[in-house]
Protein backbone atom coordinates (compact mmCIF):
# COMPACT_ATOMS: atom_id res chain seq x y z
CA UNK A 1 0.00 0.00 0.00
CA UNK A 2 1.40 3.38 -1.02
CA UNK A 3 0.52 6.67 0.62
CA UNK A 4 0.68 9.38 -2.05
CA UNK A 5 1.16 12.94 -0.89
CA UNK A 6 -1.44 14.23 -3.39
CA UNK A 7 -4.09 11.86 -1.97
CA UNK A 8 -3.17 12.62 1.65
CA UNK A 9 -3.43 16.36 1.02
CA UNK A 10 -7.09 15.89 0.06
CA UNK A 11 -7.86 13.80 3.16
CA UNK A 12 -6.06 11.61 5.70
CA UNK A 13 -6.17 7.85 5.12
CA UNK A 14 -7.06 5.24 7.71
CA UNK A 15 -5.86 1.70 7.07
CA UNK A 16 -6.66 -1.68 8.58
CA UNK A 17 -4.91 -4.48 6.71
CA UNK A 18 -3.98 -8.10 7.10
CA UNK A 19 -0.78 -8.88 5.20
CA UNK A 20 -0.05 -12.44 4.09
CA UNK A 21 3.34 -14.03 4.81
CA UNK A 22 5.89 -12.77 2.30
CA UNK A 23 4.09 -9.47 1.66
CA UNK A 24 6.84 -7.73 3.63
CA UNK A 25 10.39 -8.83 2.80
CA UNK A 26 12.25 -9.18 6.11
CA UNK A 27 15.43 -10.60 4.58
CA UNK A 28 17.30 -13.28 6.51
CA UNK A 29 16.61 -11.67 9.89
CA UNK A 30 13.10 -13.04 10.32
CA UNK A 31 10.27 -14.82 8.54
CA UNK A 32 6.61 -13.97 8.95
CA UNK A 33 4.45 -16.85 10.20
CA UNK A 34 0.76 -16.31 9.46
CA UNK A 35 -0.96 -13.01 8.78
CA UNK A 36 0.34 -9.70 10.10
CA UNK A 37 -2.24 -7.13 11.15
CA UNK A 38 -1.45 -3.47 10.50
CA UNK A 39 -3.76 -0.58 11.25
CA UNK A 40 -3.39 3.14 11.60
CA UNK A 41 -3.70 6.60 10.18
CA UNK A 42 -1.67 8.53 7.57
CA UNK A 43 -1.76 12.28 7.06
CA UNK A 44 0.29 15.11 5.57
CA UNK A 45 1.93 17.71 7.80
CA UNK A 46 3.12 20.87 6.08
CA UNK A 47 6.38 22.29 7.35
CA UNK A 48 6.76 25.98 6.44
CA UNK A 49 10.41 26.82 5.88
CA UNK A 50 9.76 30.13 4.23
CA UNK A 51 7.06 32.02 2.33
CA UNK A 52 7.30 29.73 -0.70
CA UNK A 53 9.14 26.76 0.78
CA UNK A 54 6.64 24.23 2.15
CA UNK A 55 7.69 20.62 2.79
CA UNK A 56 5.05 17.88 2.78
CA UNK A 57 5.91 15.46 5.59
CA UNK A 58 3.91 12.25 5.99
CA UNK A 59 2.92 11.27 9.52
CA UNK A 60 2.14 7.59 9.94
CA UNK A 61 0.65 6.47 13.24
CA UNK A 62 -0.39 2.89 13.80
CA UNK A 63 0.24 -0.59 15.12
CA UNK A 64 1.35 -3.98 13.80
CA UNK A 65 0.94 -7.46 15.29
CA UNK A 66 2.10 -10.84 14.03
CA UNK A 67 4.08 -14.02 14.60
CA UNK A 68 7.62 -14.28 13.29
CA UNK A 69 10.30 -16.92 13.10
CA UNK A 70 13.91 -16.00 13.92
CA UNK A 71 17.01 -18.20 14.27
CA UNK A 72 18.25 -19.16 17.73
CA UNK A 73 21.38 -17.16 18.54
CA UNK A 74 23.29 -20.31 19.53
CA UNK A 75 22.07 -23.23 17.41
CA UNK A 76 20.24 -21.41 14.54
CA UNK A 77 17.10 -23.54 14.97
CA UNK A 78 13.96 -21.54 14.15
CA UNK A 79 12.17 -19.92 17.09
CA UNK A 80 8.66 -18.50 16.75
CA UNK A 81 8.00 -15.25 18.59
CA UNK A 82 5.00 -12.92 18.69
CA UNK A 83 5.73 -9.27 17.96
CA UNK A 84 3.61 -6.17 18.11
CA UNK A 85 4.35 -2.48 18.47
CA UNK A 86 2.82 0.96 18.16
CA UNK A 87 4.55 3.53 15.98
CA UNK A 88 4.22 7.27 15.37
CA UNK A 89 6.59 8.29 12.58
CA UNK A 90 7.35 11.32 10.43
CA UNK A 91 8.70 10.90 6.88
CA UNK A 92 10.09 13.78 4.84
CA UNK A 93 10.80 13.86 1.09
CA UNK A 94 14.46 12.93 0.52
CA UNK A 95 14.98 15.99 -1.69
CA UNK A 96 13.87 18.38 1.09
CA UNK A 97 17.17 18.05 2.97
CA UNK A 98 19.40 17.00 0.05
CA UNK A 99 21.08 20.39 -0.38
CA UNK A 100 21.39 21.17 3.32
CA UNK A 101 24.84 22.18 4.45
CA UNK A 102 26.64 20.15 7.05
CA UNK A 103 25.25 21.05 10.47
CA UNK A 104 24.29 19.57 13.82
CA UNK A 105 20.84 18.07 13.98
CA UNK A 106 18.46 18.39 16.88
CA UNK A 107 17.10 15.42 18.85
CA UNK A 108 13.65 15.58 17.19
CA UNK A 109 15.30 15.52 13.75
CA UNK A 110 16.83 12.12 14.51
CA UNK A 111 13.29 10.71 14.52
CA UNK A 112 12.58 11.73 10.91
CA UNK A 113 12.70 9.19 8.09
CA UNK A 114 12.77 9.92 4.37
CA UNK A 115 10.71 8.80 1.39
CA UNK A 116 11.57 8.83 -2.31
CA UNK A 117 9.39 10.38 -4.99
CA UNK A 118 5.85 11.34 -4.07
CA UNK A 119 4.77 8.37 -1.97
CA UNK A 120 5.63 6.21 1.02
CA UNK A 121 5.21 2.41 0.94
CA UNK A 122 3.60 0.95 4.05
CA UNK A 123 5.54 -2.29 3.50
CA UNK A 124 8.84 -0.40 3.91
CA UNK A 125 7.64 1.12 7.17
CA UNK A 126 6.46 -2.26 8.49
CA UNK A 127 9.76 -3.94 7.53
CA UNK A 128 11.65 -1.32 9.51
CA UNK A 129 9.32 -1.56 12.52
CA UNK A 130 9.39 -5.38 12.65
CA UNK A 131 13.19 -5.50 12.42
CA UNK A 132 13.53 -2.84 15.13
CA UNK A 133 11.15 -4.83 17.36
CA UNK A 134 13.14 -8.07 17.14
CA UNK A 135 14.93 -9.04 20.35
CA UNK A 136 18.71 -8.69 20.24
CA UNK A 137 19.20 -12.34 21.18
CA UNK A 138 16.63 -15.11 20.84
CA UNK A 139 17.24 -18.59 22.27
CA UNK A 140 15.28 -21.74 21.48
CA UNK A 141 15.55 -22.66 25.19
CA UNK A 142 17.46 -21.06 28.07
CA UNK A 143 20.01 -23.88 28.26
CA UNK A 144 20.71 -24.15 24.51
CA UNK A 145 24.17 -25.66 24.01
CA UNK A 146 24.63 -24.22 20.53
CA UNK A 147 26.80 -25.45 17.68
CA UNK A 148 30.29 -26.91 17.97
CA UNK A 149 32.73 -24.26 16.73
CA UNK A 150 34.87 -26.95 15.08
CA UNK A 151 32.54 -29.40 13.36
CA UNK A 152 29.26 -27.46 13.43
CA UNK A 153 27.27 -30.23 15.12
CA UNK A 154 24.19 -29.19 17.09
CA UNK A 155 25.15 -30.00 20.69
CA UNK A 156 21.46 -30.10 21.71
CA UNK A 157 20.90 -33.18 19.50
CA UNK A 158 24.15 -35.10 19.88
CA UNK A 159 27.27 -34.83 22.02
CA UNK A 160 30.25 -33.57 20.11
CA UNK A 161 33.49 -35.56 20.19
CA UNK A 162 35.73 -32.68 19.10
CA UNK A 163 38.70 -31.87 21.32
CA UNK A 164 37.96 -28.60 23.11
CA UNK A 165 41.60 -27.50 23.27
CA UNK A 166 42.90 -24.51 21.37
CA UNK A 167 42.72 -25.00 17.63
CA UNK A 168 44.66 -21.93 16.55
CA UNK A 169 48.46 -22.29 16.91
CA UNK A 170 48.57 -18.71 18.22
CA UNK A 171 46.85 -19.90 21.41
CA UNK A 172 49.08 -22.94 22.06
CA UNK A 173 51.37 -20.94 24.34
CA UNK A 174 48.41 -20.38 26.68
CA UNK A 175 47.13 -23.98 26.52
CA UNK A 176 48.69 -25.14 29.81
CA UNK A 177 48.31 -21.86 31.66
CA UNK A 178 45.23 -22.92 33.63
CA UNK A 179 46.97 -26.04 34.92
CA UNK A 180 50.04 -24.06 36.00
CA UNK A 181 47.92 -21.46 37.82
CA UNK A 182 45.82 -24.08 39.64
CA UNK A 183 48.90 -26.04 40.80
CA UNK A 184 50.45 -23.05 42.57
C-alpha atoms as a PDB file:
ATOM      1  CA  UNK A   1       0.000   0.000   0.000  1.00  0.00           C
ATOM      2  CA  UNK A   2       1.395   3.381  -1.015  1.00  0.00           C
ATOM      3  CA  UNK A   3       0.516   6.673   0.618  1.00  0.00           C
ATOM      4  CA  UNK A   4       0.685   9.379  -2.055  1.00  0.00           C
ATOM      5  CA  UNK A   5       1.161  12.942  -0.891  1.00  0.00           C
ATOM      6  CA  UNK A   6      -1.442  14.228  -3.390  1.00  0.00           C
ATOM      7  CA  UNK A   7      -4.089  11.864  -1.971  1.00  0.00           C
ATOM      8  CA  UNK A   8      -3.170  12.617   1.648  1.00  0.00           C
ATOM      9  CA  UNK A   9      -3.433  16.360   1.024  1.00  0.00           C
ATOM     10  CA  UNK A  10      -7.093  15.888   0.058  1.00  0.00           C
ATOM     11  CA  UNK A  11      -7.865  13.800   3.156  1.00  0.00           C
ATOM     12  CA  UNK A  12      -6.056  11.608   5.697  1.00  0.00           C
ATOM     13  CA  UNK A  13      -6.170   7.853   5.117  1.00  0.00           C
ATOM     14  CA  UNK A  14      -7.062   5.242   7.711  1.00  0.00           C
ATOM     15  CA  UNK A  15      -5.861   1.701   7.071  1.00  0.00           C
ATOM     16  CA  UNK A  16      -6.662  -1.678   8.580  1.00  0.00           C
ATOM     17  CA  UNK A  17      -4.910  -4.478   6.710  1.00  0.00           C
ATOM     18  CA  UNK A  18      -3.978  -8.101   7.102  1.00  0.00           C
ATOM     19  CA  UNK A  19      -0.784  -8.884   5.203  1.00  0.00           C
ATOM     20  CA  UNK A  20      -0.047 -12.437   4.095  1.00  0.00           C
ATOM     21  CA  UNK A  21       3.340 -14.030   4.811  1.00  0.00           C
ATOM     22  CA  UNK A  22       5.892 -12.767   2.296  1.00  0.00           C
ATOM     23  CA  UNK A  23       4.087  -9.468   1.661  1.00  0.00           C
ATOM     24  CA  UNK A  24       6.845  -7.725   3.626  1.00  0.00           C
ATOM     25  CA  UNK A  25      10.389  -8.833   2.797  1.00  0.00           C
ATOM     26  CA  UNK A  26      12.250  -9.184   6.112  1.00  0.00           C
ATOM     27  CA  UNK A  27      15.428 -10.604   4.585  1.00  0.00           C
ATOM     28  CA  UNK A  28      17.302 -13.278   6.512  1.00  0.00           C
ATOM     29  CA  UNK A  29      16.611 -11.667   9.891  1.00  0.00           C
ATOM     30  CA  UNK A  30      13.104 -13.044  10.316  1.00  0.00           C
ATOM     31  CA  UNK A  31      10.267 -14.821   8.541  1.00  0.00           C
ATOM     32  CA  UNK A  32       6.611 -13.971   8.947  1.00  0.00           C
ATOM     33  CA  UNK A  33       4.446 -16.848  10.205  1.00  0.00           C
ATOM     34  CA  UNK A  34       0.763 -16.313   9.463  1.00  0.00           C
ATOM     35  CA  UNK A  35      -0.962 -13.006   8.778  1.00  0.00           C
ATOM     36  CA  UNK A  36       0.345  -9.697  10.098  1.00  0.00           C
ATOM     37  CA  UNK A  37      -2.237  -7.128  11.154  1.00  0.00           C
ATOM     38  CA  UNK A  38      -1.454  -3.473  10.496  1.00  0.00           C
ATOM     39  CA  UNK A  39      -3.760  -0.580  11.252  1.00  0.00           C
ATOM     40  CA  UNK A  40      -3.389   3.140  11.602  1.00  0.00           C
ATOM     41  CA  UNK A  41      -3.701   6.596  10.184  1.00  0.00           C
ATOM     42  CA  UNK A  42      -1.671   8.526   7.569  1.00  0.00           C
ATOM     43  CA  UNK A  43      -1.759  12.279   7.060  1.00  0.00           C
ATOM     44  CA  UNK A  44       0.286  15.115   5.574  1.00  0.00           C
ATOM     45  CA  UNK A  45       1.934  17.706   7.804  1.00  0.00           C
ATOM     46  CA  UNK A  46       3.123  20.869   6.076  1.00  0.00           C
ATOM     47  CA  UNK A  47       6.380  22.291   7.349  1.00  0.00           C
ATOM     48  CA  UNK A  48       6.762  25.979   6.444  1.00  0.00           C
ATOM     49  CA  UNK A  49      10.414  26.819   5.879  1.00  0.00           C
ATOM     50  CA  UNK A  50       9.765  30.134   4.227  1.00  0.00           C
ATOM     51  CA  UNK A  51       7.062  32.022   2.327  1.00  0.00           C
ATOM     52  CA  UNK A  52       7.295  29.726  -0.705  1.00  0.00           C
ATOM     53  CA  UNK A  53       9.141  26.761   0.778  1.00  0.00           C
ATOM     54  CA  UNK A  54       6.645  24.231   2.146  1.00  0.00           C
ATOM     55  CA  UNK A  55       7.687  20.623   2.790  1.00  0.00           C
ATOM     56  CA  UNK A  56       5.046  17.877   2.784  1.00  0.00           C
ATOM     57  CA  UNK A  57       5.910  15.458   5.593  1.00  0.00           C
ATOM     58  CA  UNK A  58       3.913  12.246   5.993  1.00  0.00           C
ATOM     59  CA  UNK A  59       2.916  11.274   9.523  1.00  0.00           C
ATOM     60  CA  UNK A  60       2.143   7.590   9.941  1.00  0.00           C
ATOM     61  CA  UNK A  61       0.651   6.475  13.237  1.00  0.00           C
ATOM     62  CA  UNK A  62      -0.393   2.885  13.797  1.00  0.00           C
ATOM     63  CA  UNK A  63       0.240  -0.590  15.125  1.00  0.00           C
ATOM     64  CA  UNK A  64       1.351  -3.976  13.804  1.00  0.00           C
ATOM     65  CA  UNK A  65       0.941  -7.462  15.292  1.00  0.00           C
ATOM     66  CA  UNK A  66       2.103 -10.837  14.025  1.00  0.00           C
ATOM     67  CA  UNK A  67       4.076 -14.017  14.605  1.00  0.00           C
ATOM     68  CA  UNK A  68       7.615 -14.281  13.289  1.00  0.00           C
ATOM     69  CA  UNK A  69      10.304 -16.917  13.100  1.00  0.00           C
ATOM     70  CA  UNK A  70      13.912 -16.005  13.919  1.00  0.00           C
ATOM     71  CA  UNK A  71      17.013 -18.202  14.266  1.00  0.00           C
ATOM     72  CA  UNK A  72      18.250 -19.158  17.731  1.00  0.00           C
ATOM     73  CA  UNK A  73      21.382 -17.156  18.542  1.00  0.00           C
ATOM     74  CA  UNK A  74      23.287 -20.311  19.533  1.00  0.00           C
ATOM     75  CA  UNK A  75      22.071 -23.232  17.406  1.00  0.00           C
ATOM     76  CA  UNK A  76      20.244 -21.407  14.545  1.00  0.00           C
ATOM     77  CA  UNK A  77      17.102 -23.540  14.969  1.00  0.00           C
ATOM     78  CA  UNK A  78      13.955 -21.545  14.149  1.00  0.00           C
ATOM     79  CA  UNK A  79      12.166 -19.923  17.092  1.00  0.00           C
ATOM     80  CA  UNK A  80       8.660 -18.503  16.752  1.00  0.00           C
ATOM     81  CA  UNK A  81       8.003 -15.249  18.594  1.00  0.00           C
ATOM     82  CA  UNK A  82       4.998 -12.923  18.690  1.00  0.00           C
ATOM     83  CA  UNK A  83       5.726  -9.272  17.960  1.00  0.00           C
ATOM     84  CA  UNK A  84       3.606  -6.172  18.113  1.00  0.00           C
ATOM     85  CA  UNK A  85       4.345  -2.482  18.466  1.00  0.00           C
ATOM     86  CA  UNK A  86       2.821   0.958  18.162  1.00  0.00           C
ATOM     87  CA  UNK A  87       4.547   3.531  15.980  1.00  0.00           C
ATOM     88  CA  UNK A  88       4.221   7.266  15.367  1.00  0.00           C
ATOM     89  CA  UNK A  89       6.586   8.293  12.575  1.00  0.00           C
ATOM     90  CA  UNK A  90       7.354  11.324  10.425  1.00  0.00           C
ATOM     91  CA  UNK A  91       8.699  10.903   6.883  1.00  0.00           C
ATOM     92  CA  UNK A  92      10.091  13.777   4.840  1.00  0.00           C
ATOM     93  CA  UNK A  93      10.797  13.860   1.089  1.00  0.00           C
ATOM     94  CA  UNK A  94      14.456  12.933   0.525  1.00  0.00           C
ATOM     95  CA  UNK A  95      14.984  15.989  -1.693  1.00  0.00           C
ATOM     96  CA  UNK A  96      13.873  18.377   1.089  1.00  0.00           C
ATOM     97  CA  UNK A  97      17.166  18.048   2.965  1.00  0.00           C
ATOM     98  CA  UNK A  98      19.396  16.997   0.049  1.00  0.00           C
ATOM     99  CA  UNK A  99      21.077  20.386  -0.378  1.00  0.00           C
ATOM    100  CA  UNK A 100      21.387  21.166   3.319  1.00  0.00           C
ATOM    101  CA  UNK A 101      24.838  22.180   4.452  1.00  0.00           C
ATOM    102  CA  UNK A 102      26.640  20.153   7.053  1.00  0.00           C
ATOM    103  CA  UNK A 103      25.250  21.046  10.471  1.00  0.00           C
ATOM    104  CA  UNK A 104      24.286  19.573  13.821  1.00  0.00           C
ATOM    105  CA  UNK A 105      20.837  18.071  13.980  1.00  0.00           C
ATOM    106  CA  UNK A 106      18.455  18.387  16.881  1.00  0.00           C
ATOM    107  CA  UNK A 107      17.104  15.421  18.849  1.00  0.00           C
ATOM    108  CA  UNK A 108      13.649  15.581  17.191  1.00  0.00           C
ATOM    109  CA  UNK A 109      15.303  15.521  13.750  1.00  0.00           C
ATOM    110  CA  UNK A 110      16.832  12.119  14.509  1.00  0.00           C
ATOM    111  CA  UNK A 111      13.288  10.713  14.515  1.00  0.00           C
ATOM    112  CA  UNK A 112      12.580  11.728  10.906  1.00  0.00           C
ATOM    113  CA  UNK A 113      12.704   9.188   8.085  1.00  0.00           C
ATOM    114  CA  UNK A 114      12.766   9.917   4.370  1.00  0.00           C
ATOM    115  CA  UNK A 115      10.710   8.798   1.391  1.00  0.00           C
ATOM    116  CA  UNK A 116      11.570   8.826  -2.307  1.00  0.00           C
ATOM    117  CA  UNK A 117       9.390  10.378  -4.985  1.00  0.00           C
ATOM    118  CA  UNK A 118       5.851  11.344  -4.074  1.00  0.00           C
ATOM    119  CA  UNK A 119       4.765   8.371  -1.974  1.00  0.00           C
ATOM    120  CA  UNK A 120       5.632   6.213   1.018  1.00  0.00           C
ATOM    121  CA  UNK A 121       5.213   2.414   0.940  1.00  0.00           C
ATOM    122  CA  UNK A 122       3.600   0.949   4.053  1.00  0.00           C
ATOM    123  CA  UNK A 123       5.536  -2.288   3.499  1.00  0.00           C
ATOM    124  CA  UNK A 124       8.840  -0.404   3.913  1.00  0.00           C
ATOM    125  CA  UNK A 125       7.644   1.123   7.172  1.00  0.00           C
ATOM    126  CA  UNK A 126       6.456  -2.261   8.487  1.00  0.00           C
ATOM    127  CA  UNK A 127       9.765  -3.939   7.535  1.00  0.00           C
ATOM    128  CA  UNK A 128      11.651  -1.320   9.513  1.00  0.00           C
ATOM    129  CA  UNK A 129       9.324  -1.555  12.523  1.00  0.00           C
ATOM    130  CA  UNK A 130       9.386  -5.377  12.646  1.00  0.00           C
ATOM    131  CA  UNK A 131      13.188  -5.496  12.421  1.00  0.00           C
ATOM    132  CA  UNK A 132      13.529  -2.843  15.125  1.00  0.00           C
ATOM    133  CA  UNK A 133      11.153  -4.832  17.364  1.00  0.00           C
ATOM    134  CA  UNK A 134      13.136  -8.074  17.140  1.00  0.00           C
ATOM    135  CA  UNK A 135      14.928  -9.040  20.350  1.00  0.00           C
ATOM    136  CA  UNK A 136      18.705  -8.692  20.239  1.00  0.00           C
ATOM    137  CA  UNK A 137      19.201 -12.339  21.179  1.00  0.00           C
ATOM    138  CA  UNK A 138      16.633 -15.114  20.844  1.00  0.00           C
ATOM    139  CA  UNK A 139      17.245 -18.588  22.273  1.00  0.00           C
ATOM    140  CA  UNK A 140      15.281 -21.744  21.482  1.00  0.00           C
ATOM    141  CA  UNK A 141      15.551 -22.664  25.186  1.00  0.00           C
ATOM    142  CA  UNK A 142      17.459 -21.060  28.070  1.00  0.00           C
ATOM    143  CA  UNK A 143      20.011 -23.877  28.264  1.00  0.00           C
ATOM    144  CA  UNK A 144      20.706 -24.146  24.511  1.00  0.00           C
ATOM    145  CA  UNK A 145      24.168 -25.656  24.015  1.00  0.00           C
ATOM    146  CA  UNK A 146      24.633 -24.221  20.530  1.00  0.00           C
ATOM    147  CA  UNK A 147      26.796 -25.450  17.682  1.00  0.00           C
ATOM    148  CA  UNK A 148      30.285 -26.906  17.972  1.00  0.00           C
ATOM    149  CA  UNK A 149      32.735 -24.262  16.733  1.00  0.00           C
ATOM    150  CA  UNK A 150      34.873 -26.951  15.081  1.00  0.00           C
ATOM    151  CA  UNK A 151      32.544 -29.405  13.355  1.00  0.00           C
ATOM    152  CA  UNK A 152      29.264 -27.461  13.426  1.00  0.00           C
ATOM    153  CA  UNK A 153      27.268 -30.229  15.124  1.00  0.00           C
ATOM    154  CA  UNK A 154      24.186 -29.193  17.094  1.00  0.00           C
ATOM    155  CA  UNK A 155      25.147 -29.996  20.691  1.00  0.00           C
ATOM    156  CA  UNK A 156      21.462 -30.105  21.707  1.00  0.00           C
ATOM    157  CA  UNK A 157      20.898 -33.181  19.501  1.00  0.00           C
ATOM    158  CA  UNK A 158      24.148 -35.095  19.880  1.00  0.00           C
ATOM    159  CA  UNK A 159      27.265 -34.830  22.017  1.00  0.00           C
ATOM    160  CA  UNK A 160      30.255 -33.568  20.105  1.00  0.00           C
ATOM    161  CA  UNK A 161      33.489 -35.561  20.191  1.00  0.00           C
ATOM    162  CA  UNK A 162      35.733 -32.681  19.102  1.00  0.00           C
ATOM    163  CA  UNK A 163      38.701 -31.868  21.321  1.00  0.00           C
ATOM    164  CA  UNK A 164      37.961 -28.599  23.112  1.00  0.00           C
ATOM    165  CA  UNK A 165      41.598 -27.503  23.274  1.00  0.00           C
ATOM    166  CA  UNK A 166      42.905 -24.512  21.367  1.00  0.00           C
ATOM    167  CA  UNK A 167      42.717 -25.000  17.632  1.00  0.00           C
ATOM    168  CA  UNK A 168      44.659 -21.934  16.550  1.00  0.00           C
ATOM    169  CA  UNK A 169      48.457 -22.288  16.914  1.00  0.00           C
ATOM    170  CA  UNK A 170      48.575 -18.706  18.224  1.00  0.00           C
ATOM    171  CA  UNK A 171      46.854 -19.902  21.411  1.00  0.00           C
ATOM    172  CA  UNK A 172      49.078 -22.944  22.057  1.00  0.00           C
ATOM    173  CA  UNK A 173      51.370 -20.937  24.344  1.00  0.00           C
ATOM    174  CA  UNK A 174      48.414 -20.376  26.681  1.00  0.00           C
ATOM    175  CA  UNK A 175      47.133 -23.981  26.516  1.00  0.00           C
ATOM    176  CA  UNK A 176      48.691 -25.141  29.808  1.00  0.00           C
ATOM    177  CA  UNK A 177      48.311 -21.855  31.658  1.00  0.00           C
ATOM    178  CA  UNK A 178      45.235 -22.919  33.633  1.00  0.00           C
ATOM    179  CA  UNK A 179      46.974 -26.045  34.923  1.00  0.00           C
ATOM    180  CA  UNK A 180      50.038 -24.060  35.999  1.00  0.00           C
ATOM    181  CA  UNK A 181      47.923 -21.460  37.816  1.00  0.00           C
ATOM    182  CA  UNK A 182      45.817 -24.082  39.636  1.00  0.00           C
ATOM    183  CA  UNK A 183      48.895 -26.038  40.799  1.00  0.00           C
ATOM    184  CA  UNK A 184      50.451 -23.054  42.573  1.00  0.00           C
END
